[in-house]
């Protein structure tokens, strides 16, 4: 009996020790593409799932409940050649709030520059030192962005080394034929996203991420008013970013993930706090002013 218990313990320990960083749900949609064997899209979905979830991305050991929740939705809209496709990729990630069942969104971003090559028997392989394929590089890039954002919410500038890994992927892709990697192609692409995350101009936004989540949301289960007040203070830091870089790409990415949550948090705030937060939001994210108006109208 003791031997059986030992075997079970070893199996469980091995499973825990090998638990990777992400718990990623993957969906590949291909309704727009006609005349192609749909098995290739099923194979692609499985290959992406296994690559993202089974690769060891950091040197840290994660318990199963600590894995980062994320979603990847690939919508393939065009068949370029026998094994080449283009479309879009929607990436979402979240993290749990301490002592609560609620998960707070960290990223909700759509990449419109998706072009990949994949055959039914392909295995996705990635190298940190070279560009192996556009598919592998895009998946690894967004994985490091997801992990970096998660780490930024638990420690001040904790995601830097993962953003640097994403930057290295961008650098390795500079000679790639596919778009999305180069500065001159757009003002809103993979190149500019990671550049902003590593630019000192945006450090107040990254500090906001830490204070908003670790010192604010994580406190709200026990001290609602104190946690909400800290979130209000953290959002004020975005003023310096906006004044330096008005309507910046990274601020848009931040509010695409957080705007609805901010409204929900401060709809229960007192009048003075609600007015202060609304004033800040109106300045730094004017595009969502009508949405933020509910913060003061709900009093």
Foldseek 3Di string as FASTA:
>chain_A
DVVVVVVVVVVVVVVQQQFAAADEQEEEAEPQDPDADCLQVVLVRVLLNCVLGRDHLDPDGDGPLNHKYKYKYHYWNDDPDNFKTAAKIWIWTWGDAAPDPDTATQFTDMARQDMFGTDNPDHQDDDLQACDTPVNLVSLLVSLVRVLLVLLQADQSRSVVSLVSSQSSLVRCPPPPGDQRDVVPDQAGSPNQSVLSNDPLCSLVSNLSHQLGVVARNCCVPPVVRNLVSNLVSLLSLVSSCVVPPPHNNLVRRCVRCVVVNLVSLLPPDQVSLVSSLVSCCRRPVVCNVVSVSSNVSD
